[in-house]
Amino acid sequence: MTWQADELPYGEGSSYRLCVGERCGSGTPQLLGDQVRVSLRLPDDFDERRPEVSLRLSGPRDAAELDESRTITMRDRETGCDEARYGALRLTADSALEEVRNS
């Protein structure tokens, strides 16, 4: 999941909790150029096709806590002999989760 660093107050000094279905992880967002990124590695046996994804962000600059969720469609991707299931979201400037179809 990504968002533009200058559009929202949640950056490197923030913390996040990201859940996909029942799987959750937390940490500090990564700054990559002008994008901020959070991610969650799912186990190989993860088989939900339309999981709910929830994101909670706490920012360092007196920002209100953000708590958003959305159901996404997981897609299969084959690379050589490997297969992976993936999904991607972006956080918009108005703090809404938007599914990314071509990631």
PDB file of N, CA and C in Angstrom:
ATOM      1  N   MET A   1       0.849  -1.149   0.000  1.00  0.00           N
ATOM      2  CA  MET A   1       0.000   0.000   0.000  1.00  0.00           C
ATOM      3  C   MET A   1       0.902   1.221   0.000  1.00  0.00           C
ATOM      4  N   THR A   2       0.557   2.205  -0.813  1.00  0.00           N
ATOM      5  CA  THR A   2       1.378   3.404  -0.920  1.00  0.00           C
ATOM      6  C   THR A   2       0.524   4.663  -0.844  1.00  0.00           C
ATOM      7  N   TRP A   3       1.204   5.783  -0.596  1.00  0.00           N
ATOM      8  CA  TRP A   3       0.571   7.094  -0.712  1.00  0.00           C
ATOM      9  C   TRP A   3       1.664   8.127  -0.934  1.00  0.00           C
ATOM     10  N   GLN A   4       1.271   9.292  -1.451  1.00  0.00           N
ATOM     11  CA  GLN A   4       2.207  10.388  -1.692  1.00  0.00           C
ATOM     12  C   GLN A   4       2.634  10.976  -0.353  1.00  0.00           C
ATOM     13  N   ALA A   5       3.924  11.100  -0.160  1.00  0.00           N
ATOM     14  CA  ALA A   5       4.465  11.565   1.118  1.00  0.00           C
ATOM     15  C   ALA A   5       3.988  12.965   1.486  1.00  0.00           C
ATOM     16  N   ASP A   6       3.834  13.849   0.504  1.00  0.00           N
ATOM     17  CA  ASP A   6       3.469  15.234   0.816  1.00  0.00           C
ATOM     18  C   ASP A   6       1.961  15.454   0.931  1.00  0.00           C
ATOM     19  N   GLU A   7       1.146  14.415   0.703  1.00  0.00           N
ATOM     20  CA  GLU A   7      -0.309  14.581   0.752  1.00  0.00           C
ATOM     21  C   GLU A   7      -0.915  14.278   2.113  1.00  0.00           C
ATOM     22  N   LEU A   8      -0.234  13.468   2.911  1.00  0.00           N
ATOM     23  CA  LEU A   8      -0.766  13.037   4.202  1.00  0.00           C
ATOM     24  C   LEU A   8       0.319  13.138   5.264  1.00  0.00           C
ATOM     25  N   PRO A   9      -0.061  13.327   6.537  1.00  0.00           N
ATOM     26  CA  PRO A   9       0.944  13.519   7.591  1.00  0.00           C
ATOM     27  C   PRO A   9       1.566  12.228   8.118  1.00  0.00           C
ATOM     28  N   TYR A  10       1.317  11.097   7.472  1.00  0.00           N
ATOM     29  CA  TYR A  10       1.817   9.810   7.973  1.00  0.00           C
ATOM     30  C   TYR A  10       3.048   9.403   7.189  1.00  0.00           C
ATOM     31  N   GLY A  11       4.215   9.576   7.792  1.00  0.00           N
ATOM     32  CA  GLY A  11       5.471   9.274   7.122  1.00  0.00           C
ATOM     33  C   GLY A  11       6.359   8.406   7.988  1.00  0.00           C
ATOM     34  N   GLU A  12       7.649   8.624   7.879  1.00  0.00           N
ATOM     35  CA  GLU A  12       8.632   7.786   8.566  1.00  0.00           C
ATOM     36  C   GLU A  12       8.479   7.770  10.088  1.00  0.00           C
ATOM     37  N   GLY A  13       8.012   8.839  10.684  1.00  0.00           N
ATOM     38  CA  GLY A  13       7.846   8.879  12.130  1.00  0.00           C
ATOM     39  C   GLY A  13       6.516   8.323  12.603  1.00  0.00           C
ATOM     40  N   SER A  14       5.746   7.787  11.687  1.00  0.00           N
ATOM     41  CA  SER A  14       4.422   7.233  12.010  1.00  0.00           C
ATOM     42  C   SER A  14       4.532   5.750  12.333  1.00  0.00           C
ATOM     43  N   SER A  15       3.427   5.194  12.786  1.00  0.00           N
ATOM     44  CA  SER A  15       3.359   3.743  12.970  1.00  0.00           C
ATOM     45  C   SER A  15       2.085   3.238  12.304  1.00  0.00           C
ATOM     46  N   TYR A  16       2.107   1.960  11.899  1.00  0.00           N
ATOM     47  CA  TYR A  16       0.939   1.398  11.223  1.00  0.00           C
ATOM     48  C   TYR A  16       0.623  -0.001  11.734  1.00  0.00           C
ATOM     49  N   ARG A  17      -0.613  -0.396  11.517  1.00  0.00           N
ATOM     50  CA  ARG A  17      -1.074  -1.779  11.683  1.00  0.00           C
ATOM     51  C   ARG A  17      -1.879  -2.076  10.442  1.00  0.00           C
ATOM     52  N   LEU A  18      -1.470  -3.108   9.706  1.00  0.00           N
ATOM     53  CA  LEU A  18      -2.097  -3.498   8.451  1.00  0.00           C
ATOM     54  C   LEU A  18      -2.587  -4.927   8.583  1.00  0.00           C
ATOM     55  N   CYS A  19      -3.866  -5.145   8.277  1.00  0.00           N
ATOM     56  CA  CYS A  19      -4.444  -6.489   8.350  1.00  0.00           C
ATOM     57  C   CYS A  19      -5.056  -6.854   7.003  1.00  0.00           C
ATOM     58  N   VAL A  20      -4.833  -8.088   6.595  1.00  0.00           N
ATOM     59  CA  VAL A  20      -5.457  -8.656   5.406  1.00  0.00           C
ATOM     60  C   VAL A  20      -6.166  -9.911   5.886  1.00  0.00           C
ATOM     61  N   GLY A  21      -7.497  -9.869   5.886  1.00  0.00           N
ATOM     62  CA  GLY A  21      -8.241 -10.957   6.503  1.00  0.00           C
ATOM     63  C   GLY A  21      -7.866 -11.030   7.967  1.00  0.00           C
ATOM     64  N   GLU A  22      -7.446 -12.197   8.429  1.00  0.00           N
ATOM     65  CA  GLU A  22      -7.057 -12.396   9.830  1.00  0.00           C
ATOM     66  C   GLU A  22      -5.562 -12.205  10.069  1.00  0.00           C
ATOM     67  N   ARG A  23      -4.786 -11.941   9.029  1.00  0.00           N
ATOM     68  CA  ARG A  23      -3.332 -11.769   9.144  1.00  0.00           C
ATOM     69  C   ARG A  23      -3.003 -10.304   9.337  1.00  0.00           C
ATOM     70  N   CYS A  24      -2.179  -9.990  10.327  1.00  0.00           N
ATOM     71  CA  CYS A  24      -1.850  -8.597  10.632  1.00  0.00           C
ATOM     72  C   CYS A  24      -0.351  -8.416  10.837  1.00  0.00           C
ATOM     73  N   GLY A  25       0.092  -7.201  10.618  1.00  0.00           N
ATOM     74  CA  GLY A  25       1.469  -6.829  10.886  1.00  0.00           C
ATOM     75  C   GLY A  25       1.515  -5.354  11.228  1.00  0.00           C
ATOM     76  N   SER A  26       2.601  -4.918  11.837  1.00  0.00           N
ATOM     77  CA  SER A  26       2.727  -3.513  12.203  1.00  0.00           C
ATOM     78  C   SER A  26       4.178  -3.083  12.061  1.00  0.00           C
ATOM     79  N   GLY A  27       4.377  -1.783  12.064  1.00  0.00           N
ATOM     80  CA  GLY A  27       5.727  -1.264  11.941  1.00  0.00           C
ATOM     81  C   GLY A  27       5.726   0.219  11.644  1.00  0.00           C
ATOM     82  N   THR A  28       6.807   0.653  11.012  1.00  0.00           N
ATOM     83  CA  THR A  28       6.993   2.047  10.617  1.00  0.00           C
ATOM     84  C   THR A  28       6.961   2.109   9.094  1.00  0.00           C
ATOM     85  N   PRO A  29       6.187   3.030   8.511  1.00  0.00           N
ATOM     86  CA  PRO A  29       6.156   3.147   7.048  1.00  0.00           C
ATOM     87  C   PRO A  29       7.541   3.442   6.480  1.00  0.00           C
ATOM     88  N   GLN A  30       7.767   2.984   5.247  1.00  0.00           N
ATOM     89  CA  GLN A  30       9.031   3.222   4.551  1.00  0.00           C
ATOM     90  C   GLN A  30       8.851   4.355   3.555  1.00  0.00           C
ATOM     91  N   LEU A  31       9.798   5.260   3.508  1.00  0.00           N
ATOM     92  CA  LEU A  31       9.793   6.338   2.536  1.00  0.00           C
ATOM     93  C   LEU A  31      10.640   5.904   1.346  1.00  0.00           C
ATOM     94  N   LEU A  32      10.023   5.869   0.162  1.00  0.00           N
ATOM     95  CA  LEU A  32      10.704   5.490  -1.075  1.00  0.00           C
ATOM     96  C   LEU A  32      10.493   6.611  -2.088  1.00  0.00           C
ATOM     97  N   GLY A  33      11.461   7.530  -2.167  1.00  0.00           N
ATOM     98  CA  GLY A  33      11.288   8.695  -3.032  1.00  0.00           C
ATOM     99  C   GLY A  33      10.172   9.566  -2.492  1.00  0.00           C
ATOM    100  N   ASP A  34       9.159   9.843  -3.323  1.00  0.00           N
ATOM    101  CA  ASP A  34       8.030  10.659  -2.877  1.00  0.00           C
ATOM    102  C   ASP A  34       6.839   9.805  -2.436  1.00  0.00           C
ATOM    103  N   GLN A  35       7.057   8.494  -2.297  1.00  0.00           N
ATOM    104  CA  GLN A  35       6.010   7.576  -1.882  1.00  0.00           C
ATOM    105  C   GLN A  35       6.295   7.030  -0.487  1.00  0.00           C
ATOM    106  N   VAL A  36       5.234   6.807   0.270  1.00  0.00           N
ATOM    107  CA  VAL A  36       5.332   6.129   1.552  1.00  0.00           C
ATOM    108  C   VAL A  36       4.696   4.763   1.357  1.00  0.00           C
ATOM    109  N   ARG A  37       5.292   3.722   1.955  1.00  0.00           N
ATOM    110  CA  ARG A  37       4.834   2.358   1.699  1.00  0.00           C
ATOM    111  C   ARG A  37       4.731   1.568   2.994  1.00  0.00           C
ATOM    112  N   VAL A  38       3.652   0.774   3.091  1.00  0.00           N
ATOM    113  CA  VAL A  38       3.513  -0.236   4.131  1.00  0.00           C
ATOM    114  C   VAL A  38       3.136  -1.533   3.429  1.00  0.00           C
ATOM    115  N   SER A  39       3.548  -2.667   3.991  1.00  0.00           N
ATOM    116  CA  SER A  39       3.245  -3.938   3.336  1.00  0.00           C
ATOM    117  C   SER A  39       3.108  -5.037   4.375  1.00  0.00           C
ATOM    118  N   LEU A  40       2.542  -6.126   3.924  1.00  0.00           N
ATOM    119  CA  LEU A  40       2.351  -7.303   4.763  1.00  0.00           C
ATOM    120  C   LEU A  40       2.589  -8.526   3.897  1.00  0.00           C
ATOM    121  N   ARG A  41       3.547  -9.344   4.281  1.00  0.00           N
ATOM    122  CA  ARG A  41       3.808 -10.592   3.550  1.00  0.00           C
ATOM    123  C   ARG A  41       2.824 -11.631   4.055  1.00  0.00           C
ATOM    124  N   LEU A  42       2.115 -12.232   3.107  1.00  0.00           N
ATOM    125  CA  LEU A  42       1.131 -13.255   3.441  1.00  0.00           C
ATOM    126  C   LEU A  42       1.745 -14.635   3.286  1.00  0.00           C
ATOM    127  N   PRO A  43       1.284 -15.607   4.061  1.00  0.00           N
ATOM    128  CA  PRO A  43       1.832 -16.960   3.947  1.00  0.00           C
ATOM    129  C   PRO A  43       1.473 -17.592   2.602  1.00  0.00           C
ATOM    130  N   ASP A  44       2.260 -18.573   2.191  1.00  0.00           N
ATOM    131  CA  ASP A  44       2.036 -19.250   0.915  1.00  0.00           C
ATOM    132  C   ASP A  44       0.659 -19.882   0.821  1.00  0.00           C
ATOM    133  N   ASP A  45       0.097 -20.298   1.944  1.00  0.00           N
ATOM    134  CA  ASP A  45      -1.204 -20.968   1.909  1.00  0.00           C
ATOM    135  C   ASP A  45      -2.387 -20.002   2.047  1.00  0.00           C
ATOM    136  N   PHE A  46      -2.143 -18.693   1.969  1.00  0.00           N
ATOM    137  CA  PHE A  46      -3.231 -17.716   2.046  1.00  0.00           C
ATOM    138  C   PHE A  46      -4.121 -17.888   0.818  1.00  0.00           C
ATOM    139  N   ASP A  47      -5.412 -18.162   1.010  1.00  0.00           N
ATOM    140  CA  ASP A  47      -6.267 -18.459  -0.140  1.00  0.00           C
ATOM    141  C   ASP A  47      -7.545 -17.621  -0.211  1.00  0.00           C
ATOM    142  N   GLU A  48      -7.656 -16.578   0.591  1.00  0.00           N
ATOM    143  CA  GLU A  48      -8.835 -15.713   0.496  1.00  0.00           C
ATOM    144  C   GLU A  48      -8.777 -14.924  -0.810  1.00  0.00           C
ATOM    145  N   ARG A  49      -9.868 -14.926  -1.547  1.00  0.00           N
ATOM    146  CA  ARG A  49      -9.921 -14.203  -2.825  1.00  0.00           C
ATOM    147  C   ARG A  49     -10.367 -12.760  -2.663  1.00  0.00           C
ATOM    148  N   ARG A  50     -11.206 -12.480  -1.662  1.00  0.00           N
ATOM    149  CA  ARG A  50     -11.708 -11.121  -1.448  1.00  0.00           C
ATOM    150  C   ARG A  50     -11.628 -10.761   0.041  1.00  0.00           C
ATOM    151  N   PRO A  51     -10.427 -10.619   0.559  1.00  0.00           N
ATOM    152  CA  PRO A  51     -10.281 -10.305   1.983  1.00  0.00           C
ATOM    153  C   PRO A  51     -10.545  -8.826   2.266  1.00  0.00           C
ATOM    154  N   GLU A  52     -10.912  -8.572   3.505  1.00  0.00           N
ATOM    155  CA  GLU A  52     -10.990  -7.185   3.950  1.00  0.00           C
ATOM    156  C   GLU A  52      -9.584  -6.772   4.375  1.00  0.00           C
ATOM    157  N   VAL A  53      -9.183  -5.594   3.930  1.00  0.00           N
ATOM    158  CA  VAL A  53      -7.893  -5.021   4.303  1.00  0.00           C
ATOM    159  C   VAL A  53      -8.177  -3.822   5.196  1.00  0.00           C
ATOM    160  N   SER A  54      -7.519  -3.774   6.350  1.00  0.00           N
ATOM    161  CA  SER A  54      -7.695  -2.620   7.229  1.00  0.00           C
ATOM    162  C   SER A  54      -6.335  -2.015   7.547  1.00  0.00           C
ATOM    163  N   LEU A  55      -6.326  -0.704   7.634  1.00  0.00           N
ATOM    164  CA  LEU A  55      -5.105   0.052   7.887  1.00  0.00           C
ATOM    165  C   LEU A  55      -5.370   1.037   9.020  1.00  0.00           C
ATOM    166  N   ARG A  56      -4.493   1.029  10.000  1.00  0.00           N
ATOM    167  CA  ARG A  56      -4.534   2.020  11.083  1.00  0.00           C
ATOM    168  C   ARG A  56      -3.179   2.722  11.086  1.00  0.00           C
ATOM    169  N   LEU A  57      -3.218   4.054  10.994  1.00  0.00           N
ATOM    170  CA  LEU A  57      -2.003   4.867  10.999  1.00  0.00           C
ATOM    171  C   LEU A  57      -2.051   5.873  12.132  1.00  0.00           C
ATOM    172  N   SER A  58      -0.931   6.037  12.816  1.00  0.00           N
ATOM    173  CA  SER A  58      -0.776   7.069  13.835  1.00  0.00           C
ATOM    174  C   SER A  58       0.408   7.925  13.421  1.00  0.00           C
ATOM    175  N   GLY A  59       0.190   9.216  13.334  1.00  0.00           N
ATOM    176  CA  GLY A  59       1.240  10.112  12.856  1.00  0.00           C
ATOM    177  C   GLY A  59       1.915  10.882  13.966  1.00  0.00           C
ATOM    178  N   PRO A  60       3.124  11.367  13.692  1.00  0.00           N
ATOM    179  CA  PRO A  60       3.881  12.095  14.698  1.00  0.00           C
ATOM    180  C   PRO A  60       3.534  13.580  14.778  1.00  0.00           C
ATOM    181  N   ARG A  61       2.918  14.120  13.756  1.00  0.00           N
ATOM    182  CA  ARG A  61       2.685  15.570  13.691  1.00  0.00           C
ATOM    183  C   ARG A  61       1.285  15.946  14.157  1.00  0.00           C
ATOM    184  N   ASP A  62       0.892  15.503  15.310  1.00  0.00           N
ATOM    185  CA  ASP A  62      -0.433  15.811  15.855  1.00  0.00           C
ATOM    186  C   ASP A  62      -1.556  15.427  14.899  1.00  0.00           C
ATOM    187  N   ALA A  63      -1.298  14.470  14.047  1.00  0.00           N
ATOM    188  CA  ALA A  63      -2.313  14.015  13.094  1.00  0.00           C
ATOM    189  C   ALA A  63      -3.306  13.097  13.799  1.00  0.00           C
ATOM    190  N   ALA A  64      -4.535  13.175  13.389  1.00  0.00           N
ATOM    191  CA  ALA A  64      -5.546  12.264  13.917  1.00  0.00           C
ATOM    192  C   ALA A  64      -5.217  10.841  13.466  1.00  0.00           C
ATOM    193  N   GLU A  65      -5.575   9.865  14.274  1.00  0.00           N
ATOM    194  CA  GLU A  65      -5.365   8.472  13.885  1.00  0.00           C
ATOM    195  C   GLU A  65      -6.270   8.154  12.708  1.00  0.00           C
ATOM    196  N   LEU A  66      -5.719   7.485  11.714  1.00  0.00           N
ATOM    197  CA  LEU A  66      -6.490   7.073  10.543  1.00  0.00           C
ATOM    198  C   LEU A  66      -6.822   5.595  10.695  1.00  0.00           C
ATOM    199  N   ASP A  67      -8.065   5.243  10.434  1.00  0.00           N
ATOM    200  CA  ASP A  67      -8.511   3.855  10.527  1.00  0.00           C
ATOM    201  C   ASP A  67      -9.457   3.600   9.362  1.00  0.00           C
ATOM    202  N   GLU A  68      -8.976   2.925   8.325  1.00  0.00           N
ATOM    203  CA  GLU A  68      -9.745   2.683   7.104  1.00  0.00           C
ATOM    204  C   GLU A  68      -9.731   1.206   6.759  1.00  0.00           C
ATOM    205  N   SER A  69     -10.774   0.749   6.057  1.00  0.00           N
ATOM    206  CA  SER A  69     -10.795  -0.638   5.587  1.00  0.00           C
ATOM    207  C   SER A  69     -11.527  -0.719   4.258  1.00  0.00           C
ATOM    208  N   ARG A  70     -11.236  -1.801   3.536  1.00  0.00           N
ATOM    209  CA  ARG A  70     -11.823  -2.008   2.218  1.00  0.00           C
ATOM    210  C   ARG A  70     -11.636  -3.464   1.827  1.00  0.00           C
ATOM    211  N   THR A  71     -12.591  -4.025   1.104  1.00  0.00           N
ATOM    212  CA  THR A  71     -12.456  -5.368   0.561  1.00  0.00           C
ATOM    213  C   THR A  71     -11.783  -5.261  -0.805  1.00  0.00           C
ATOM    214  N   ILE A  72     -10.781  -6.117  -1.041  1.00  0.00           N
ATOM    215  CA  ILE A  72     -10.081  -6.089  -2.335  1.00  0.00           C
ATOM    216  C   ILE A  72     -10.160  -7.464  -2.995  1.00  0.00           C
ATOM    217  N   THR A  73      -9.846  -7.502  -4.269  1.00  0.00           N
ATOM    218  CA  THR A  73      -9.780  -8.747  -5.030  1.00  0.00           C
ATOM    219  C   THR A  73      -8.320  -9.148  -5.175  1.00  0.00           C
ATOM    220  N   MET A  74      -7.980 -10.322  -4.680  1.00  0.00           N
ATOM    221  CA  MET A  74      -6.618 -10.838  -4.832  1.00  0.00           C
ATOM    222  C   MET A  74      -6.486 -11.445  -6.230  1.00  0.00           C
ATOM    223  N   ARG A  75      -5.330 -11.257  -6.847  1.00  0.00           N
ATOM    224  CA  ARG A  75      -5.069 -11.758  -8.196  1.00  0.00           C
ATOM    225  C   ARG A  75      -3.894 -12.725  -8.162  1.00  0.00           C
ATOM    226  N   ASP A  76      -3.874 -13.635  -9.128  1.00  0.00           N
ATOM    227  CA  ASP A  76      -2.768 -14.576  -9.253  1.00  0.00           C
ATOM    228  C   ASP A  76      -1.783 -14.041 -10.279  1.00  0.00           C
ATOM    229  N   ARG A  77      -0.505 -14.213  -9.977  1.00  0.00           N
ATOM    230  CA  ARG A  77       0.555 -13.791 -10.892  1.00  0.00           C
ATOM    231  C   ARG A  77       1.543 -14.932 -10.998  1.00  0.00           C
ATOM    232  N   GLU A  78       1.909 -15.276 -12.229  1.00  0.00           N
ATOM    233  CA  GLU A  78       2.919 -16.310 -12.458  1.00  0.00           C
ATOM    234  C   GLU A  78       4.180 -15.652 -12.989  1.00  0.00           C
ATOM    235  N   THR A  79       5.299 -16.017 -12.398  1.00  0.00           N
ATOM    236  CA  THR A  79       6.601 -15.545 -12.839  1.00  0.00           C
ATOM    237  C   THR A  79       7.491 -16.765 -12.964  1.00  0.00           C
ATOM    238  N   GLY A  80       7.733 -17.198 -14.181  1.00  0.00           N
ATOM    239  CA  GLY A  80       8.506 -18.421 -14.381  1.00  0.00           C
ATOM    240  C   GLY A  80       7.772 -19.597 -13.769  1.00  0.00           C
ATOM    241  N   CYS A  81       8.415 -20.285 -12.861  1.00  0.00           N
ATOM    242  CA  CYS A  81       7.809 -21.444 -12.192  1.00  0.00           C
ATOM    243  C   CYS A  81       7.064 -21.056 -10.916  1.00  0.00           C
ATOM    244  N   ASP A  82       7.162 -19.797 -10.512  1.00  0.00           N
ATOM    245  CA  ASP A  82       6.553 -19.348  -9.261  1.00  0.00           C
ATOM    246  C   ASP A  82       5.172 -18.755  -9.500  1.00  0.00           C
ATOM    247  N   GLU A  83       4.308 -18.961  -8.535  1.00  0.00           N
ATOM    248  CA  GLU A  83       2.991 -18.338  -8.540  1.00  0.00           C
ATOM    249  C   GLU A  83       2.846 -17.516  -7.276  1.00  0.00           C
ATOM    250  N   ALA A  84       2.142 -16.412  -7.375  1.00  0.00           N
ATOM    251  CA  ALA A  84       1.913 -15.564  -6.203  1.00  0.00           C
ATOM    252  C   ALA A  84       0.515 -14.986  -6.287  1.00  0.00           C
ATOM    253  N   ARG A  85      -0.047 -14.746  -5.139  1.00  0.00           N
ATOM    254  CA  ARG A  85      -1.326 -14.051  -5.056  1.00  0.00           C
ATOM    255  C   ARG A  85      -1.018 -12.674  -4.492  1.00  0.00           C
ATOM    256  N   TYR A  86      -1.581 -11.639  -5.106  1.00  0.00           N
ATOM    257  CA  TYR A  86      -1.259 -10.287  -4.667  1.00  0.00           C
ATOM    258  C   TYR A  86      -2.485  -9.378  -4.761  1.00  0.00           C
ATOM    259  N   GLY A  87      -2.404  -8.288  -4.061  1.00  0.00           N
ATOM    260  CA  GLY A  87      -3.397  -7.226  -4.110  1.00  0.00           C
ATOM    261  C   GLY A  87      -2.700  -5.943  -3.721  1.00  0.00           C
ATOM    262  N   ALA A  88      -3.211  -4.817  -4.198  1.00  0.00           N
ATOM    263  CA  ALA A  88      -2.562  -3.544  -3.888  1.00  0.00           C
ATOM    264  C   ALA A  88      -3.606  -2.454  -3.676  1.00  0.00           C
ATOM    265  N   LEU A  89      -3.303  -1.581  -2.736  1.00  0.00           N
ATOM    266  CA  LEU A  89      -4.149  -0.426  -2.437  1.00  0.00           C
ATOM    267  C   LEU A  89      -3.276   0.809  -2.392  1.00  0.00           C
ATOM    268  N   ARG A  90      -3.903   1.950  -2.588  1.00  0.00           N
ATOM    269  CA  ARG A  90      -3.221   3.213  -2.328  1.00  0.00           C
ATOM    270  C   ARG A  90      -4.127   4.050  -1.460  1.00  0.00           C
ATOM    271  N   LEU A  91      -3.514   4.882  -0.657  1.00  0.00           N
ATOM    272  CA  LEU A  91      -4.230   5.788   0.217  1.00  0.00           C
ATOM    273  C   LEU A  91      -4.281   7.133  -0.478  1.00  0.00           C
ATOM    274  N   THR A  92      -5.484   7.648  -0.733  1.00  0.00           N
ATOM    275  CA  THR A  92      -5.644   8.904  -1.461  1.00  0.00           C
ATOM    276  C   THR A  92      -5.420  10.103  -0.539  1.00  0.00           C
ATOM    277  N   ALA A  93      -5.318  11.281  -1.127  1.00  0.00           N
ATOM    278  CA  ALA A  93      -5.104  12.508  -0.365  1.00  0.00           C
ATOM    279  C   ALA A  93      -6.243  12.789   0.616  1.00  0.00           C
ATOM    280  N   ASP A  94      -7.442  12.261   0.331  1.00  0.00           N
ATOM    281  CA  ASP A  94      -8.566  12.444   1.261  1.00  0.00           C
ATOM    282  C   ASP A  94      -8.725  11.249   2.199  1.00  0.00           C
ATOM    283  N   SER A  95      -7.649  10.474   2.363  1.00  0.00           N
ATOM    284  CA  SER A  95      -7.568   9.361   3.327  1.00  0.00           C
ATOM    285  C   SER A  95      -8.514   8.195   3.029  1.00  0.00           C
ATOM    286  N   ALA A  96      -8.778   7.953   1.761  1.00  0.00           N
ATOM    287  CA  ALA A  96      -9.604   6.815   1.363  1.00  0.00           C
ATOM    288  C   ALA A  96      -8.710   5.727   0.762  1.00  0.00           C
ATOM    289  N   LEU A  97      -9.057   4.474   0.997  1.00  0.00           N
ATOM    290  CA  LEU A  97      -8.328   3.365   0.381  1.00  0.00           C
ATOM    291  C   LEU A  97      -8.900   3.109  -0.998  1.00  0.00           C
ATOM    292  N   GLU A  98      -8.008   2.991  -1.982  1.00  0.00           N
ATOM    293  CA  GLU A  98      -8.409   2.784  -3.374  1.00  0.00           C
ATOM    294  C   GLU A  98      -7.642   1.590  -3.918  1.00  0.00           C
ATOM    295  N   GLU A  99      -8.364   0.636  -4.518  1.00  0.00           N
ATOM    296  CA  GLU A  99      -7.709  -0.546  -5.055  1.00  0.00           C
ATOM    297  C   GLU A  99      -6.920  -0.179  -6.316  1.00  0.00           C
ATOM    298  N   VAL A 100      -5.705  -0.723  -6.416  1.00  0.00           N
ATOM    299  CA  VAL A 100      -4.846  -0.533  -7.583  1.00  0.00           C
ATOM    300  C   VAL A 100      -4.988  -1.790  -8.418  1.00  0.00           C
ATOM    301  N   ARG A 101      -5.458  -1.666  -9.607  1.00  0.00           N
ATOM    302  CA  ARG A 101      -5.732  -2.825 -10.462  1.00  0.00           C
ATOM    303  C   ARG A 101      -4.508  -3.326 -11.227  1.00  0.00           C
ATOM    304  N   ASN A 102      -3.611  -2.447 -11.596  1.00  0.00           N
ATOM    305  CA  ASN A 102      -2.440  -2.843 -12.390  1.00  0.00           C
ATOM    306  C   ASN A 102      -1.170  -2.635 -11.595  1.00  0.00           C
ATOM    307  N   SER A 103      -0.905  -3.508 -10.627  1.00  0.00           N
ATOM    308  CA  SER A 103       0.328  -3.333  -9.845  1.00  0.00           C
ATOM    309  C   SER A 103       1.305  -4.425 -10.154  1.00  0.00           C
TER     310      SER A 103
END
